[in-house]
Amino acid sequence: MHYVAFDPVHQGDTDLTSWPYERRRTALEALFADHRLEAPLTLCPSTTDPAVARGWLEWTAAGLEGLRFKQRVHP
């Protein structure tokens, strides 16, 4: 079993829900890097490239259920 992290809403006592997604994503990436987190914790891949996102839809054999779209500059 893996836990896939894609969008943090809290960091410690700090509520991140008002932060733009781009800032929350940066905080999540820093958390994984700073703490050297690894399986069973997994950082969800992220892209702004439509071709890459289309390619991910071919991952159904790996159990991919869909894609999540977020606006980068809005909460």
N, C-alpha and C. Protein backbone atom coordinates (compact mmCIF):
# COMPACT_ATOMS: atom_id res chain seq x y z
N MET A 1 0.85 -1.17 0.00
CA MET A 1 0.00 0.00 0.00
C MET A 1 0.89 1.24 0.00
N HIS A 2 0.48 2.24 -0.76
CA HIS A 2 1.19 3.51 -0.82
C HIS A 2 0.24 4.65 -0.49
N TYR A 3 0.77 5.68 0.11
CA TYR A 3 0.04 6.92 0.33
C TYR A 3 0.61 7.94 -0.65
N VAL A 4 -0.24 8.45 -1.54
CA VAL A 4 0.20 9.40 -2.55
C VAL A 4 -0.23 10.80 -2.13
N ALA A 5 0.76 11.67 -1.94
CA ALA A 5 0.50 13.05 -1.54
C ALA A 5 0.50 13.94 -2.77
N PHE A 6 -0.56 14.76 -2.91
CA PHE A 6 -0.61 15.64 -4.07
C PHE A 6 -0.95 17.08 -3.74
N ASP A 7 -1.49 17.36 -2.56
CA ASP A 7 -1.85 18.74 -2.24
C ASP A 7 -2.01 18.90 -0.73
N PRO A 8 -1.03 19.50 -0.07
CA PRO A 8 -1.13 19.66 1.38
C PRO A 8 -2.13 20.76 1.76
N VAL A 9 -2.87 20.53 2.82
CA VAL A 9 -3.80 21.55 3.30
C VAL A 9 -3.37 22.13 4.65
N HIS A 10 -2.48 21.42 5.34
CA HIS A 10 -1.90 21.90 6.60
C HIS A 10 -0.43 21.51 6.65
N GLN A 11 0.36 22.35 7.28
CA GLN A 11 1.76 22.03 7.54
C GLN A 11 2.00 22.43 8.99
N GLY A 12 2.07 21.42 9.86
CA GLY A 12 2.12 21.70 11.29
C GLY A 12 0.82 22.37 11.69
N ASP A 13 0.91 23.53 12.32
CA ASP A 13 -0.28 24.28 12.73
C ASP A 13 -0.71 25.30 11.68
N THR A 14 -0.04 25.33 10.55
CA THR A 14 -0.33 26.33 9.52
C THR A 14 -1.37 25.80 8.52
N ASP A 15 -2.45 26.56 8.34
CA ASP A 15 -3.49 26.24 7.37
C ASP A 15 -3.02 26.75 6.01
N LEU A 16 -2.86 25.85 5.05
CA LEU A 16 -2.35 26.22 3.73
C LEU A 16 -3.46 26.41 2.70
N THR A 17 -4.71 26.27 3.09
CA THR A 17 -5.79 26.27 2.11
C THR A 17 -5.96 27.61 1.38
N SER A 18 -5.46 28.69 1.93
CA SER A 18 -5.57 29.98 1.24
C SER A 18 -4.37 30.24 0.32
N TRP A 19 -3.35 29.40 0.41
CA TRP A 19 -2.18 29.56 -0.46
C TRP A 19 -2.51 29.12 -1.87
N PRO A 20 -1.91 29.75 -2.88
CA PRO A 20 -2.07 29.26 -4.24
C PRO A 20 -1.49 27.84 -4.34
N TYR A 21 -2.07 27.02 -5.24
CA TYR A 21 -1.60 25.64 -5.39
C TYR A 21 -0.11 25.58 -5.65
N GLU A 22 0.41 26.46 -6.48
CA GLU A 22 1.84 26.43 -6.82
C GLU A 22 2.70 26.54 -5.57
N ARG A 23 2.29 27.39 -4.63
CA ARG A 23 3.05 27.54 -3.37
C ARG A 23 2.91 26.29 -2.49
N ARG A 24 1.68 25.73 -2.45
CA ARG A 24 1.48 24.50 -1.66
C ARG A 24 2.30 23.35 -2.24
N ARG A 25 2.35 23.25 -3.56
CA ARG A 25 3.12 22.19 -4.21
C ARG A 25 4.60 22.33 -3.87
N THR A 26 5.12 23.56 -3.90
CA THR A 26 6.51 23.80 -3.54
C THR A 26 6.78 23.36 -2.10
N ALA A 27 5.86 23.67 -1.19
CA ALA A 27 6.00 23.25 0.21
C ALA A 27 6.00 21.73 0.33
N LEU A 28 5.14 21.06 -0.44
CA LEU A 28 5.08 19.61 -0.41
C LEU A 28 6.37 18.99 -0.94
N GLU A 29 6.88 19.51 -2.03
CA GLU A 29 8.14 19.01 -2.59
C GLU A 29 9.29 19.21 -1.60
N ALA A 30 9.30 20.35 -0.91
CA ALA A 30 10.33 20.61 0.08
C ALA A 30 10.22 19.63 1.26
N LEU A 31 9.01 19.33 1.67
CA LEU A 31 8.80 18.36 2.75
C LEU A 31 9.38 17.01 2.38
N PHE A 32 9.12 16.54 1.16
CA PHE A 32 9.66 15.26 0.72
C PHE A 32 11.19 15.31 0.66
N ALA A 33 11.74 16.40 0.14
CA ALA A 33 13.20 16.51 0.02
C ALA A 33 13.87 16.65 1.39
N ASP A 34 13.33 17.53 2.22
CA ASP A 34 13.95 17.80 3.53
C ASP A 34 13.95 16.59 4.44
N HIS A 35 12.91 15.78 4.36
CA HIS A 35 12.78 14.62 5.24
C HIS A 35 13.11 13.30 4.55
N ARG A 36 13.56 13.42 3.29
CA ARG A 36 13.92 12.24 2.49
C ARG A 36 12.82 11.17 2.56
N LEU A 37 11.58 11.61 2.36
CA LEU A 37 10.45 10.70 2.43
C LEU A 37 10.47 9.75 1.25
N GLU A 38 10.11 8.51 1.51
CA GLU A 38 10.08 7.48 0.47
C GLU A 38 8.96 6.50 0.79
N ALA A 39 8.81 5.48 -0.06
CA ALA A 39 7.72 4.51 0.08
C ALA A 39 7.62 4.04 1.53
N PRO A 40 6.40 3.94 2.01
CA PRO A 40 5.13 3.95 1.30
C PRO A 40 4.58 5.33 0.99
N LEU A 41 5.29 6.40 1.35
CA LEU A 41 4.86 7.75 0.96
C LEU A 41 5.35 8.05 -0.45
N THR A 42 4.49 8.59 -1.27
CA THR A 42 4.84 8.86 -2.66
C THR A 42 4.38 10.26 -3.03
N LEU A 43 5.25 11.01 -3.66
CA LEU A 43 4.90 12.34 -4.15
C LEU A 43 4.25 12.18 -5.52
N CYS A 44 3.02 12.61 -5.64
CA CYS A 44 2.30 12.51 -6.90
C CYS A 44 3.01 13.33 -7.96
N PRO A 45 3.20 12.78 -9.16
CA PRO A 45 3.82 13.57 -10.22
C PRO A 45 2.94 14.76 -10.58
N SER A 46 3.56 15.80 -11.09
CA SER A 46 2.85 17.01 -11.47
C SER A 46 3.44 17.54 -12.77
N THR A 47 2.59 18.10 -13.62
CA THR A 47 3.06 18.65 -14.88
C THR A 47 2.15 19.78 -15.33
N THR A 48 2.69 20.66 -16.13
CA THR A 48 1.89 21.68 -16.81
C THR A 48 1.85 21.39 -18.31
N ASP A 49 2.42 20.28 -18.72
CA ASP A 49 2.50 19.90 -20.13
C ASP A 49 1.32 18.99 -20.49
N PRO A 50 0.41 19.45 -21.35
CA PRO A 50 -0.76 18.63 -21.71
C PRO A 50 -0.38 17.28 -22.32
N ALA A 51 0.70 17.20 -23.07
CA ALA A 51 1.11 15.93 -23.67
C ALA A 51 1.52 14.92 -22.60
N VAL A 52 2.20 15.39 -21.57
CA VAL A 52 2.59 14.50 -20.47
C VAL A 52 1.33 14.00 -19.74
N ALA A 53 0.39 14.91 -19.49
CA ALA A 53 -0.85 14.52 -18.81
C ALA A 53 -1.62 13.49 -19.63
N ARG A 54 -1.69 13.67 -20.95
CA ARG A 54 -2.36 12.68 -21.80
C ARG A 54 -1.67 11.32 -21.69
N GLY A 55 -0.36 11.33 -21.64
CA GLY A 55 0.39 10.08 -21.50
C GLY A 55 0.06 9.36 -20.20
N TRP A 56 -0.18 10.12 -19.13
CA TRP A 56 -0.53 9.50 -17.85
C TRP A 56 -1.85 8.75 -17.92
N LEU A 57 -2.74 9.16 -18.81
CA LEU A 57 -4.01 8.46 -18.94
C LEU A 57 -3.83 7.04 -19.46
N GLU A 58 -2.66 6.73 -19.99
CA GLU A 58 -2.37 5.38 -20.48
C GLU A 58 -1.90 4.47 -19.34
N TRP A 59 -1.79 4.96 -18.13
CA TRP A 59 -1.30 4.19 -16.99
C TRP A 59 -2.37 3.32 -16.34
N THR A 60 -3.46 3.05 -17.00
CA THR A 60 -4.55 2.32 -16.35
C THR A 60 -4.10 0.96 -15.83
N ALA A 61 -3.12 0.34 -16.46
CA ALA A 61 -2.62 -0.95 -15.98
C ALA A 61 -1.96 -0.82 -14.61
N ALA A 62 -1.50 0.37 -14.29
CA ALA A 62 -0.85 0.61 -12.99
C ALA A 62 -1.86 1.05 -11.94
N GLY A 63 -3.13 1.11 -12.30
CA GLY A 63 -4.16 1.47 -11.33
C GLY A 63 -4.50 2.95 -11.31
N LEU A 64 -4.07 3.71 -12.31
CA LEU A 64 -4.42 5.13 -12.36
C LEU A 64 -5.91 5.28 -12.59
N GLU A 65 -6.56 6.06 -11.77
CA GLU A 65 -8.00 6.23 -11.88
C GLU A 65 -8.39 7.51 -12.62
N GLY A 66 -7.47 8.44 -12.77
CA GLY A 66 -7.80 9.69 -13.44
C GLY A 66 -6.76 10.74 -13.14
N LEU A 67 -7.03 11.93 -13.60
CA LEU A 67 -6.13 13.06 -13.38
C LEU A 67 -6.84 14.11 -12.55
N ARG A 68 -6.07 14.89 -11.84
CA ARG A 68 -6.60 15.99 -11.03
C ARG A 68 -6.01 17.27 -11.58
N PHE A 69 -6.88 18.22 -11.92
CA PHE A 69 -6.43 19.50 -12.46
C PHE A 69 -6.59 20.57 -11.39
N LYS A 70 -5.55 21.38 -11.23
CA LYS A 70 -5.56 22.46 -10.24
C LYS A 70 -5.08 23.73 -10.92
N GLN A 71 -5.67 24.86 -10.54
CA GLN A 71 -5.17 26.14 -11.00
C GLN A 71 -3.96 26.48 -10.18
N ARG A 72 -2.86 26.79 -10.85
CA ARG A 72 -1.57 26.99 -10.16
C ARG A 72 -1.54 28.23 -9.28
N VAL A 73 -2.28 29.26 -9.64
CA VAL A 73 -2.16 30.54 -8.92
C VAL A 73 -3.35 30.84 -8.02
N HIS A 74 -4.29 29.90 -7.89
CA HIS A 74 -5.45 30.10 -7.02
C HIS A 74 -5.49 29.04 -5.95
N PRO A 75 -6.10 29.35 -4.79
CA PRO A 75 -6.21 28.34 -3.73
C PRO A 75 -7.02 27.13 -4.17
